[in-house]
Amino acid sequence: MSQLIATSLINFLNFYTALLFIRILLTWFPTIDWSNPLLSALQQITDPFLNVFRSFIPPLGMIDISPMLAILALQLLRGLFISYAGPAML
């Protein structure tokens, strides 16, 4: 049962990381209309987590490194769950 929970959490972290990558890539296009319902939902899902990192690491000029730290944190957490779930997850 605990392996099922770990597997579910790993899958969730993979999905959330993918959402963060999509959000990051979309910020490279300044003409994106964030009032679009789908993009607005993406923003509402990802911004609270990104804001945690933005609160203690402000943007460096035009570069915001908080998404990189957020993804790193998710990957570290994913690694912990994989080590708990065992080698069958690899």
Protein backbone atom coordinates (compact mmCIF):
# COMPACT_ATOMS: atom_id res chain seq x y z
CA MET A 1 0.00 0.00 0.00
CA SER A 2 2.78 2.45 0.87
CA GLN A 3 4.48 1.69 -2.46
CA LEU A 4 1.22 2.60 -4.22
CA ILE A 5 1.17 5.94 -2.41
CA ALA A 6 4.82 6.60 -3.28
CA THR A 7 4.14 5.71 -6.93
CA SER A 8 1.13 8.02 -7.01
CA LEU A 9 3.16 10.87 -5.52
CA ILE A 10 5.94 10.30 -8.05
CA ASN A 11 3.41 10.44 -10.89
CA PHE A 12 1.91 13.63 -9.47
CA LEU A 13 5.36 15.24 -9.18
CA ASN A 14 6.14 14.28 -12.78
CA PHE A 15 2.86 15.84 -13.95
CA TYR A 16 3.39 19.01 -11.91
CA THR A 17 6.95 19.34 -13.22
CA ALA A 18 5.59 19.11 -16.76
CA LEU A 19 3.10 21.88 -15.96
CA LEU A 20 5.95 24.04 -14.65
CA PHE A 21 7.95 23.46 -17.83
CA ILE A 22 4.96 24.47 -19.95
CA ARG A 23 4.46 27.59 -17.81
CA ILE A 24 8.14 28.50 -18.13
CA LEU A 25 8.17 28.03 -21.89
CA LEU A 26 5.05 30.15 -22.32
CA THR A 27 6.66 33.07 -20.49
CA TRP A 28 9.15 33.35 -23.34
CA PHE A 29 6.33 34.54 -25.62
CA PRO A 30 5.34 38.07 -24.56
CA THR A 31 2.22 38.13 -26.72
CA ILE A 32 0.56 35.24 -24.84
CA ASP A 33 -2.90 36.20 -23.59
CA TRP A 34 -2.94 35.02 -19.96
CA SER A 35 -6.66 35.82 -19.73
CA ASN A 36 -7.32 32.68 -21.80
CA PRO A 37 -9.12 30.27 -19.41
CA LEU A 38 -6.67 27.42 -20.02
CA LEU A 39 -3.60 29.62 -19.53
CA SER A 40 -5.17 31.33 -16.55
CA ALA A 41 -5.78 27.92 -14.95
CA LEU A 42 -2.15 26.96 -15.62
CA GLN A 43 -1.04 30.18 -13.97
CA GLN A 44 -3.28 29.59 -10.94
CA ILE A 45 -1.96 26.04 -10.53
CA THR A 46 1.75 26.85 -10.82
CA ASP A 47 2.15 30.36 -9.41
CA PRO A 48 1.56 29.53 -5.70
CA PHE A 49 4.45 27.05 -5.76
CA LEU A 50 6.69 29.41 -7.74
CA ASN A 51 5.85 32.29 -5.39
CA VAL A 52 7.34 30.32 -2.49
CA PHE A 53 10.73 30.49 -4.23
CA ARG A 54 10.21 34.04 -5.50
CA SER A 55 9.64 35.21 -1.93
CA PHE A 56 13.23 34.50 -0.90
CA ILE A 57 15.03 34.72 -4.27
CA PRO A 58 14.03 37.82 -6.22
CA PRO A 59 14.60 38.02 -9.98
CA LEU A 60 18.15 38.90 -11.00
CA GLY A 61 17.48 41.71 -13.44
CA MET A 62 15.43 40.17 -16.24
CA ILE A 63 16.17 36.60 -15.14
CA ASP A 64 13.93 34.77 -12.69
CA ILE A 65 15.71 31.68 -11.36
CA SER A 66 12.87 30.64 -9.06
CA PRO A 67 11.44 28.17 -11.63
CA MET A 68 14.79 26.37 -11.78
CA LEU A 69 14.86 26.07 -8.00
CA ALA A 70 11.24 24.93 -7.94
CA ILE A 71 11.95 22.17 -10.46
CA LEU A 72 15.09 21.19 -8.55
CA ALA A 73 13.05 20.91 -5.34
CA LEU A 74 10.45 18.76 -7.10
CA GLN A 75 13.17 16.49 -8.51
CA LEU A 76 14.78 16.09 -5.09
CA LEU A 77 11.41 15.19 -3.60
CA ARG A 78 10.78 12.78 -6.46
CA GLY A 79 14.16 11.16 -5.78
CA LEU A 80 13.21 10.64 -2.15
CA PHE A 81 9.98 8.93 -3.15
CA ILE A 82 11.77 6.77 -5.70
CA SER A 83 14.30 5.65 -3.09
CA TYR A 84 11.41 4.81 -0.77
CA ALA A 85 9.42 2.97 -3.45
CA GLY A 86 12.41 0.85 -4.40
CA PRO A 87 14.28 -0.01 -7.58
CA ALA A 88 11.09 -1.17 -9.31
CA MET A 89 10.30 2.52 -9.99
CA LEU A 90 13.40 3.04 -12.12
